[in-house]
Amino acid sequence: MADPHYTIRPALPHEAAALTDLLRRSKRYWGYDDAFMEAARPQLVITAASIEQDQVEALILDGQVRGFFRLCHRENNPHKLWLEDLFLDPAVIGQGWGRIMWNRVIEAAASLDYRVLEWETDPHAEPFYQRMGAVTVGQSESSIFPGRLLPVMRCEVARPFTNLSG
């Protein structure tokens, strides 16, 4: 079970290499072979520029980055935000941190005044997102492996409650 002593904070540009390493370890967790990982390597990167440009937040446990997410804008739609990444260190998968990170993703999207969150996901992660209340709305062809289809998911973002009575 998730330890109550943790922090989710904005990622720092100098953490780009650590986030990239975490992302790659997390992807490999699903059993992808060396050929897949090498082909996907150029896309499995977090840069200092993306940390500065997008909303990237890191899960800190025992002083170590154990997860992160990245929200960005991909369309000219003022009501839709794109979840580019949500990854956990394999050492903490299955301990409740995914739900905690997901809840923070939704809070962040709501605080940015978005109503819809969309993303492509690894097929292995689709059941997790469905348990979190997201729905699969389509498929997208992988840019790395033609013919491989990735689920496209969507979640409605509830607006935070505002007391209008003063």
N, C-alpha and C. Protein backbone atom coordinates (compact mmCIF):
# COMPACT_ATOMS: atom_id res chain seq x y z
N MET A 1 0.84 -1.19 0.00
CA MET A 1 0.00 0.00 0.00
C MET A 1 0.87 1.24 0.00
N ALA A 2 0.39 2.29 -0.59
CA ALA A 2 1.14 3.53 -0.70
C ALA A 2 1.42 4.13 0.68
N ASP A 3 2.64 4.56 0.88
CA ASP A 3 3.08 5.22 2.10
C ASP A 3 2.56 6.65 2.10
N PRO A 4 2.01 7.13 3.21
CA PRO A 4 1.48 8.49 3.22
C PRO A 4 2.57 9.56 3.16
N HIS A 5 3.83 9.19 3.32
CA HIS A 5 4.93 10.15 3.32
C HIS A 5 5.56 10.21 1.93
N TYR A 6 5.04 11.09 1.13
CA TYR A 6 5.54 11.26 -0.23
C TYR A 6 5.31 12.70 -0.65
N THR A 7 5.91 13.05 -1.76
CA THR A 7 5.72 14.37 -2.34
C THR A 7 5.49 14.21 -3.83
N ILE A 8 4.57 14.97 -4.37
CA ILE A 8 4.45 15.12 -5.82
C ILE A 8 4.71 16.59 -6.07
N ARG A 9 5.76 16.87 -6.82
CA ARG A 9 6.19 18.24 -7.03
C ARG A 9 6.59 18.44 -8.49
N PRO A 10 6.69 19.70 -8.93
CA PRO A 10 7.15 19.94 -10.29
C PRO A 10 8.53 19.30 -10.51
N ALA A 11 8.69 18.63 -11.63
CA ALA A 11 10.00 18.08 -11.99
C ALA A 11 10.94 19.23 -12.32
N LEU A 12 12.21 18.98 -12.13
CA LEU A 12 13.23 19.99 -12.38
C LEU A 12 14.00 19.63 -13.65
N PRO A 13 14.38 20.62 -14.44
CA PRO A 13 15.07 20.33 -15.71
C PRO A 13 16.28 19.42 -15.56
N HIS A 14 17.03 19.54 -14.46
CA HIS A 14 18.20 18.68 -14.29
C HIS A 14 17.83 17.22 -14.01
N GLU A 15 16.54 16.93 -13.81
CA GLU A 15 16.09 15.55 -13.58
C GLU A 15 15.72 14.83 -14.88
N ALA A 16 15.92 15.46 -16.02
CA ALA A 16 15.52 14.86 -17.30
C ALA A 16 16.12 13.47 -17.50
N ALA A 17 17.39 13.29 -17.23
CA ALA A 17 18.03 11.98 -17.43
C ALA A 17 17.43 10.93 -16.50
N ALA A 18 17.17 11.31 -15.25
CA ALA A 18 16.57 10.36 -14.30
C ALA A 18 15.16 9.98 -14.73
N LEU A 19 14.38 10.94 -15.24
CA LEU A 19 13.03 10.64 -15.71
C LEU A 19 13.07 9.76 -16.95
N THR A 20 14.02 10.01 -17.84
CA THR A 20 14.17 9.17 -19.03
C THR A 20 14.51 7.74 -18.62
N ASP A 21 15.41 7.58 -17.67
CA ASP A 21 15.78 6.24 -17.20
C ASP A 21 14.57 5.54 -16.58
N LEU A 22 13.82 6.26 -15.76
CA LEU A 22 12.62 5.68 -15.14
C LEU A 22 11.62 5.27 -16.21
N LEU A 23 11.39 6.14 -17.18
CA LEU A 23 10.44 5.86 -18.28
C LEU A 23 10.83 4.56 -18.99
N ARG A 24 12.10 4.41 -19.31
CA ARG A 24 12.56 3.21 -20.04
C ARG A 24 12.46 1.96 -19.19
N ARG A 25 12.79 2.05 -17.90
CA ARG A 25 12.64 0.88 -17.02
C ARG A 25 11.17 0.50 -16.89
N SER A 26 10.32 1.50 -16.79
CA SER A 26 8.89 1.24 -16.67
C SER A 26 8.34 0.57 -17.94
N LYS A 27 8.76 1.06 -19.09
CA LYS A 27 8.31 0.46 -20.36
C LYS A 27 8.77 -1.00 -20.45
N ARG A 28 10.02 -1.26 -20.08
CA ARG A 28 10.55 -2.62 -20.15
C ARG A 28 9.81 -3.56 -19.20
N TYR A 29 9.26 -3.03 -18.13
CA TYR A 29 8.51 -3.82 -17.15
C TYR A 29 7.46 -4.70 -17.82
N TRP A 30 6.90 -4.22 -18.93
CA TRP A 30 5.82 -4.94 -19.61
C TRP A 30 6.32 -6.05 -20.53
N GLY A 31 7.60 -6.36 -20.46
CA GLY A 31 8.13 -7.52 -21.17
C GLY A 31 8.59 -7.26 -22.60
N TYR A 32 8.75 -6.01 -22.97
CA TYR A 32 9.22 -5.71 -24.32
C TYR A 32 10.66 -6.18 -24.48
N ASP A 33 10.96 -6.74 -25.64
CA ASP A 33 12.30 -7.26 -25.89
C ASP A 33 13.27 -6.14 -26.28
N ASP A 34 14.56 -6.52 -26.40
CA ASP A 34 15.60 -5.54 -26.70
C ASP A 34 15.36 -4.84 -28.04
N ALA A 35 14.88 -5.56 -29.04
CA ALA A 35 14.64 -4.96 -30.36
C ALA A 35 13.56 -3.88 -30.26
N PHE A 36 12.49 -4.17 -29.54
CA PHE A 36 11.44 -3.17 -29.36
C PHE A 36 11.98 -1.95 -28.63
N MET A 37 12.68 -2.19 -27.52
CA MET A 37 13.19 -1.09 -26.71
C MET A 37 14.16 -0.22 -27.50
N GLU A 38 14.99 -0.84 -28.33
CA GLU A 38 15.94 -0.06 -29.12
C GLU A 38 15.22 0.77 -30.18
N ALA A 39 14.22 0.18 -30.82
CA ALA A 39 13.45 0.92 -31.83
C ALA A 39 12.68 2.09 -31.19
N ALA A 40 12.20 1.88 -29.99
CA ALA A 40 11.41 2.91 -29.30
C ALA A 40 12.27 3.94 -28.58
N ARG A 41 13.53 3.66 -28.42
CA ARG A 41 14.44 4.51 -27.63
C ARG A 41 14.34 6.01 -27.95
N PRO A 42 14.32 6.42 -29.22
CA PRO A 42 14.25 7.87 -29.50
C PRO A 42 12.98 8.54 -28.98
N GLN A 43 11.90 7.78 -28.83
CA GLN A 43 10.66 8.36 -28.32
C GLN A 43 10.54 8.26 -26.80
N LEU A 44 11.38 7.46 -26.21
CA LEU A 44 11.32 7.26 -24.76
C LEU A 44 12.33 8.18 -24.08
N VAL A 45 12.13 9.48 -24.26
CA VAL A 45 13.05 10.49 -23.75
C VAL A 45 12.27 11.65 -23.14
N ILE A 46 12.74 12.10 -22.01
CA ILE A 46 12.25 13.33 -21.40
C ILE A 46 13.41 14.32 -21.44
N THR A 47 13.17 15.49 -21.96
CA THR A 47 14.22 16.50 -22.07
C THR A 47 14.00 17.61 -21.06
N ALA A 48 15.06 18.33 -20.79
CA ALA A 48 14.95 19.50 -19.92
C ALA A 48 13.96 20.50 -20.52
N ALA A 49 13.98 20.63 -21.85
CA ALA A 49 13.06 21.56 -22.52
C ALA A 49 11.61 21.15 -22.31
N SER A 50 11.31 19.84 -22.37
CA SER A 50 9.93 19.41 -22.16
C SER A 50 9.51 19.64 -20.71
N ILE A 51 10.43 19.51 -19.78
CA ILE A 51 10.11 19.78 -18.37
C ILE A 51 9.78 21.25 -18.19
N GLU A 52 10.52 22.12 -18.88
CA GLU A 52 10.28 23.56 -18.78
C GLU A 52 9.01 23.98 -19.51
N GLN A 53 8.70 23.32 -20.62
CA GLN A 53 7.57 23.73 -21.46
C GLN A 53 6.25 23.13 -21.00
N ASP A 54 6.24 21.87 -20.62
CA ASP A 54 5.02 21.16 -20.26
C ASP A 54 4.86 21.15 -18.75
N GLN A 55 3.74 20.62 -18.29
CA GLN A 55 3.56 20.42 -16.85
C GLN A 55 4.03 19.02 -16.54
N VAL A 56 5.17 18.92 -15.88
CA VAL A 56 5.75 17.64 -15.51
C VAL A 56 5.89 17.63 -14.00
N GLU A 57 5.30 16.61 -13.38
CA GLU A 57 5.38 16.48 -11.93
C GLU A 57 5.94 15.12 -11.57
N ALA A 58 6.75 15.11 -10.52
CA ALA A 58 7.45 13.90 -10.10
C ALA A 58 6.96 13.43 -8.74
N LEU A 59 6.86 12.11 -8.61
CA LEU A 59 6.55 11.46 -7.35
C LEU A 59 7.87 11.17 -6.65
N ILE A 60 8.03 11.70 -5.43
CA ILE A 60 9.26 11.52 -4.67
C ILE A 60 8.97 10.65 -3.46
N LEU A 61 9.69 9.53 -3.38
CA LEU A 61 9.60 8.61 -2.23
C LEU A 61 11.02 8.39 -1.72
N ASP A 62 11.21 8.54 -0.43
CA ASP A 62 12.53 8.33 0.16
C ASP A 62 13.62 9.10 -0.58
N GLY A 63 13.30 10.31 -1.01
CA GLY A 63 14.27 11.16 -1.68
C GLY A 63 14.57 10.79 -3.12
N GLN A 64 13.84 9.81 -3.68
CA GLN A 64 14.08 9.37 -5.05
C GLN A 64 12.85 9.59 -5.92
N VAL A 65 13.09 9.92 -7.19
CA VAL A 65 12.00 10.04 -8.14
C VAL A 65 11.52 8.62 -8.45
N ARG A 66 10.24 8.34 -8.16
CA ARG A 66 9.67 7.01 -8.37
C ARG A 66 8.53 7.01 -9.38
N GLY A 67 8.19 8.17 -9.92
CA GLY A 67 7.15 8.26 -10.92
C GLY A 67 7.06 9.68 -11.43
N PHE A 68 6.37 9.86 -12.54
CA PHE A 68 6.14 11.20 -13.06
C PHE A 68 5.01 11.17 -14.07
N PHE A 69 4.47 12.35 -14.32
CA PHE A 69 3.53 12.51 -15.42
C PHE A 69 3.86 13.80 -16.15
N ARG A 70 3.41 13.86 -17.41
CA ARG A 70 3.62 15.04 -18.24
C ARG A 70 2.33 15.37 -18.97
N LEU A 71 1.83 16.58 -18.77
CA LEU A 71 0.66 17.11 -19.46
C LEU A 71 1.12 18.15 -20.46
N CYS A 72 0.53 18.13 -21.65
CA CYS A 72 0.90 19.13 -22.66
C CYS A 72 -0.28 19.42 -23.57
N HIS A 73 -0.10 20.43 -24.38
CA HIS A 73 -1.12 20.84 -25.34
C HIS A 73 -0.72 20.30 -26.70
N ARG A 74 -1.61 19.57 -27.35
CA ARG A 74 -1.30 19.01 -28.67
C ARG A 74 -2.26 19.47 -29.74
N GLU A 75 -3.33 20.10 -29.36
CA GLU A 75 -4.33 20.52 -30.32
C GLU A 75 -4.75 21.95 -30.02
N ASN A 76 -5.32 22.59 -31.00
CA ASN A 76 -5.89 23.92 -30.77
C ASN A 76 -7.31 23.78 -30.24
N ASN A 77 -7.43 23.15 -29.12
CA ASN A 77 -8.72 22.96 -28.48
C ASN A 77 -8.60 23.44 -27.04
N PRO A 78 -9.27 24.51 -26.68
CA PRO A 78 -9.10 25.06 -25.34
C PRO A 78 -9.66 24.17 -24.22
N HIS A 79 -10.37 23.13 -24.58
CA HIS A 79 -10.98 22.28 -23.56
C HIS A 79 -10.34 20.90 -23.46
N LYS A 80 -9.25 20.66 -24.21
CA LYS A 80 -8.65 19.33 -24.24
C LYS A 80 -7.16 19.41 -23.92
N LEU A 81 -6.72 18.60 -22.99
CA LEU A 81 -5.33 18.51 -22.58
C LEU A 81 -4.83 17.11 -22.90
N TRP A 82 -3.57 16.97 -23.24
CA TRP A 82 -2.99 15.69 -23.62
C TRP A 82 -2.10 15.17 -22.49
N LEU A 83 -2.34 13.93 -22.06
CA LEU A 83 -1.47 13.25 -21.11
C LEU A 83 -0.39 12.55 -21.92
N GLU A 84 0.77 13.14 -21.97
CA GLU A 84 1.86 12.58 -22.78
C GLU A 84 2.52 11.40 -22.10
N ASP A 85 2.68 11.47 -20.79
CA ASP A 85 3.37 10.41 -20.04
C ASP A 85 2.78 10.26 -18.66
N LEU A 86 2.75 9.02 -18.18
CA LEU A 86 2.51 8.71 -16.77
C LEU A 86 3.23 7.39 -16.54
N PHE A 87 4.32 7.45 -15.80
CA PHE A 87 5.15 6.26 -15.58
C PHE A 87 5.51 6.13 -14.11
N LEU A 88 5.61 4.89 -13.66
CA LEU A 88 6.07 4.57 -12.31
C LEU A 88 7.30 3.68 -12.40
N ASP A 89 8.17 3.83 -11.44
CA ASP A 89 9.30 2.93 -11.30
C ASP A 89 8.74 1.52 -11.07
N PRO A 90 9.26 0.51 -11.77
CA PRO A 90 8.74 -0.85 -11.57
C PRO A 90 8.75 -1.30 -10.11
N ALA A 91 9.67 -0.77 -9.31
CA ALA A 91 9.75 -1.17 -7.90
C ALA A 91 8.53 -0.76 -7.10
N VAL A 92 7.73 0.20 -7.59
CA VAL A 92 6.57 0.66 -6.83
C VAL A 92 5.24 0.36 -7.53
N ILE A 93 5.29 -0.32 -8.67
CA ILE A 93 4.05 -0.69 -9.36
C ILE A 93 3.28 -1.69 -8.50
N GLY A 94 1.97 -1.52 -8.44
CA GLY A 94 1.11 -2.43 -7.68
C GLY A 94 0.98 -2.07 -6.22
N GLN A 95 1.45 -0.88 -5.82
CA GLN A 95 1.40 -0.47 -4.42
C GLN A 95 0.46 0.71 -4.18
N GLY A 96 -0.34 1.07 -5.18
CA GLY A 96 -1.29 2.17 -5.00
C GLY A 96 -0.80 3.51 -5.52
N TRP A 97 0.44 3.59 -5.97
CA TRP A 97 0.99 4.86 -6.44
C TRP A 97 0.39 5.29 -7.77
N GLY A 98 -0.02 4.35 -8.59
CA GLY A 98 -0.65 4.69 -9.86
C GLY A 98 -1.92 5.50 -9.63
N ARG A 99 -2.74 5.06 -8.71
CA ARG A 99 -3.98 5.78 -8.38
C ARG A 99 -3.67 7.16 -7.81
N ILE A 100 -2.68 7.24 -6.94
CA ILE A 100 -2.30 8.54 -6.37
C ILE A 100 -1.82 9.48 -7.48
N MET A 101 -1.00 8.98 -8.37
CA MET A 101 -0.52 9.81 -9.48
C MET A 101 -1.68 10.20 -10.39
N TRP A 102 -2.57 9.25 -10.67
CA TRP A 102 -3.73 9.55 -11.53
C TRP A 102 -4.58 10.66 -10.91
N ASN A 103 -4.84 10.56 -9.61
CA ASN A 103 -5.62 11.60 -8.94
C ASN A 103 -4.95 12.96 -9.08
N ARG A 104 -3.62 13.00 -8.99
CA ARG A 104 -2.91 14.27 -9.15
C ARG A 104 -2.99 14.76 -10.59
N VAL A 105 -2.95 13.85 -11.57
CA VAL A 105 -3.12 14.24 -12.98
C VAL A 105 -4.46 14.95 -13.15
N ILE A 106 -5.51 14.36 -12.62
CA ILE A 106 -6.85 14.94 -12.75
C ILE A 106 -6.92 16.29 -12.04
N GLU A 107 -6.35 16.40 -10.85
CA GLU A 107 -6.31 17.69 -10.14
C GLU A 107 -5.58 18.74 -10.97
N ALA A 108 -4.45 18.35 -11.55
CA ALA A 108 -3.66 19.30 -12.34
C ALA A 108 -4.44 19.76 -13.56
N ALA A 109 -5.09 18.82 -14.24
CA ALA A 109 -5.88 19.18 -15.43
C ALA A 109 -7.02 20.13 -15.04
N ALA A 110 -7.69 19.83 -13.93
CA ALA A 110 -8.79 20.69 -13.48
C ALA A 110 -8.28 22.08 -13.09
N SER A 111 -7.13 22.12 -12.44
CA SER A 111 -6.59 23.42 -12.02
C SER A 111 -6.18 24.27 -13.21
N LEU A 112 -5.90 23.62 -14.34
CA LEU A 112 -5.58 24.34 -15.58
C LEU A 112 -6.85 24.68 -16.35
N ASP A 113 -8.01 24.32 -15.77
CA ASP A 113 -9.33 24.62 -16.34
C ASP A 113 -9.63 23.83 -17.61
N TYR A 114 -9.13 22.60 -17.67
CA TYR A 114 -9.47 21.72 -18.79
C TYR A 114 -10.63 20.82 -18.40
N ARG A 115 -11.42 20.46 -19.39
CA ARG A 115 -12.58 19.59 -19.16
C ARG A 115 -12.35 18.18 -19.68
N VAL A 116 -11.40 18.02 -20.62
CA VAL A 116 -11.16 16.72 -21.23
C VAL A 116 -9.66 16.44 -21.26
N LEU A 117 -9.31 15.23 -20.89
CA LEU A 117 -7.93 14.75 -20.95
C LEU A 117 -7.91 13.58 -21.93
N GLU A 118 -6.99 13.60 -22.87
CA GLU A 118 -6.84 12.49 -23.83
C GLU A 118 -5.40 12.04 -23.87
N TRP A 119 -5.18 10.81 -24.36
CA TRP A 119 -3.84 10.27 -24.48
C TRP A 119 -3.86 8.96 -25.25
N GLU A 120 -2.68 8.62 -25.79
CA GLU A 120 -2.44 7.28 -26.32
C GLU A 120 -1.79 6.50 -25.19
N THR A 121 -2.10 5.24 -25.10
CA THR A 121 -1.50 4.46 -24.03
C THR A 121 -0.94 3.15 -24.56
N ASP A 122 -0.03 2.62 -23.81
CA ASP A 122 0.46 1.28 -24.07
C ASP A 122 -0.72 0.33 -23.82
N PRO A 123 -0.90 -0.68 -24.67
CA PRO A 123 -2.01 -1.62 -24.45
C PRO A 123 -2.00 -2.25 -23.06
N HIS A 124 -0.83 -2.43 -22.45
CA HIS A 124 -0.76 -3.02 -21.11
C HIS A 124 -1.36 -2.10 -20.05
N ALA A 125 -1.35 -0.79 -20.29
CA ALA A 125 -1.85 0.17 -19.29
C ALA A 125 -3.33 0.48 -19.46
N GLU A 126 -3.92 0.06 -20.57
CA GLU A 126 -5.33 0.37 -20.83
C GLU A 126 -6.25 -0.07 -19.68
N PRO A 127 -6.11 -1.29 -19.14
CA PRO A 127 -7.00 -1.69 -18.03
C PRO A 127 -6.87 -0.79 -16.80
N PHE A 128 -5.66 -0.33 -16.49
CA PHE A 128 -5.49 0.59 -15.37
C PHE A 128 -6.32 1.85 -15.57
N TYR A 129 -6.17 2.45 -16.75
CA TYR A 129 -6.90 3.70 -17.01
C TYR A 129 -8.41 3.47 -17.00
N GLN A 130 -8.86 2.33 -17.48
CA GLN A 130 -10.29 2.03 -17.44
C GLN A 130 -10.77 1.94 -15.99
N ARG A 131 -9.95 1.35 -15.12
CA ARG A 131 -10.32 1.29 -13.69
C ARG A 131 -10.37 2.69 -13.09
N MET A 132 -9.61 3.62 -13.64
CA MET A 132 -9.60 5.00 -13.15
C MET A 132 -10.77 5.81 -13.72
N GLY A 133 -11.57 5.21 -14.60
CA GLY A 133 -12.74 5.89 -15.13
C GLY A 133 -12.60 6.40 -16.54
N ALA A 134 -11.46 6.16 -17.17
CA ALA A 134 -11.25 6.59 -18.55
C ALA A 134 -11.92 5.61 -19.51
N VAL A 135 -12.19 6.09 -20.71
CA VAL A 135 -12.78 5.23 -21.74
C VAL A 135 -11.87 5.23 -22.97
N THR A 136 -11.87 4.11 -23.66
CA THR A 136 -11.13 4.00 -24.91
C THR A 136 -12.01 4.58 -26.00
N VAL A 137 -11.49 5.57 -26.74
CA VAL A 137 -12.28 6.25 -27.76
C VAL A 137 -11.78 5.99 -29.18
N GLY A 138 -10.74 5.22 -29.32
CA GLY A 138 -10.23 4.93 -30.65
C GLY A 138 -8.88 4.24 -30.57
N GLN A 139 -8.21 4.21 -31.71
CA GLN A 139 -6.88 3.62 -31.81
C GLN A 139 -6.02 4.51 -32.69
N SER A 140 -4.73 4.45 -32.44
CA SER A 140 -3.77 5.22 -33.21
C SER A 140 -2.65 4.27 -33.62
N GLU A 141 -2.19 4.39 -34.85
CA GLU A 141 -1.10 3.52 -35.29
C GLU A 141 0.22 4.00 -34.71
N SER A 142 1.01 3.08 -34.23
CA SER A 142 2.32 3.39 -33.68
C SER A 142 3.21 4.01 -34.74
N SER A 143 3.93 5.05 -34.38
CA SER A 143 4.86 5.66 -35.32
C SER A 143 6.16 4.86 -35.39
N ILE A 144 6.36 3.94 -34.47
CA ILE A 144 7.58 3.12 -34.45
C ILE A 144 7.37 1.80 -35.17
N PHE A 145 6.23 1.18 -34.94
CA PHE A 145 5.94 -0.13 -35.51
C PHE A 145 4.65 -0.06 -36.33
N PRO A 146 4.75 0.20 -37.62
CA PRO A 146 3.54 0.25 -38.45
C PRO A 146 2.71 -1.02 -38.26
N GLY A 147 1.41 -0.82 -38.13
CA GLY A 147 0.49 -1.94 -37.90
C GLY A 147 0.19 -2.19 -36.44
N ARG A 148 1.02 -1.68 -35.54
CA ARG A 148 0.76 -1.82 -34.10
C ARG A 148 -0.19 -0.70 -33.71
N LEU A 149 -1.31 -1.07 -33.08
CA LEU A 149 -2.31 -0.09 -32.70
C LEU A 149 -2.25 0.21 -31.21
N LEU A 150 -2.35 1.50 -30.89
CA LEU A 150 -2.33 1.95 -29.51
C LEU A 150 -3.71 2.49 -29.14
N PRO A 151 -4.22 2.12 -27.98
CA PRO A 151 -5.50 2.68 -27.55
C PRO A 151 -5.40 4.19 -27.34
N VAL A 152 -6.43 4.91 -27.76
CA VAL A 152 -6.56 6.33 -27.47
C VAL A 152 -7.65 6.44 -26.41
N MET A 153 -7.34 7.12 -25.32
CA MET A 153 -8.24 7.16 -24.18
C MET A 153 -8.66 8.59 -23.87
N ARG A 154 -9.76 8.70 -23.16
CA ARG A 154 -10.30 10.01 -22.79
C ARG A 154 -10.90 9.91 -21.38
N CYS A 155 -10.77 11.02 -20.67
CA CYS A 155 -11.39 11.14 -19.36
C CYS A 155 -11.95 12.54 -19.23
N GLU A 156 -13.18 12.62 -18.78
CA GLU A 156 -13.78 13.91 -18.48
C GLU A 156 -13.18 14.39 -17.16
N VAL A 157 -12.81 15.65 -17.12
CA VAL A 157 -12.20 16.24 -15.92
C VAL A 157 -13.26 17.06 -15.21
N ALA A 158 -13.55 16.68 -13.98
CA ALA A 158 -14.54 17.43 -13.19
C ALA A 158 -13.92 18.75 -12.74
N ARG A 159 -14.72 19.78 -12.83
CA ARG A 159 -14.25 21.08 -12.33
C ARG A 159 -14.25 21.04 -10.81
N PRO A 160 -13.28 21.72 -10.19
CA PRO A 160 -13.30 21.80 -8.73
C PRO A 160 -14.55 22.53 -8.26
N PHE A 161 -15.05 22.12 -7.11
CA PHE A 161 -16.23 22.75 -6.53
C PHE A 161 -15.88 24.17 -6.10
N THR A 162 -16.71 25.11 -6.45
CA THR A 162 -16.53 26.49 -6.04
C THR A 162 -17.77 26.93 -5.27
N ASN A 163 -17.55 27.44 -4.09
CA ASN A 163 -18.66 27.92 -3.28
C ASN A 163 -19.03 29.32 -3.74
N LEU A 164 -20.17 29.46 -4.38
CA LEU A 164 -20.59 30.74 -4.93
C LEU A 164 -21.42 31.55 -3.94
N SER A 165 -21.69 31.00 -2.77
CA SER A 165 -22.55 31.70 -1.82
C SER A 165 -21.81 32.75 -1.01
N GLY A 166 -20.51 32.83 -1.20
CA GLY A 166 -19.75 33.89 -0.53
C GLY A 166 -19.11 33.38 0.66
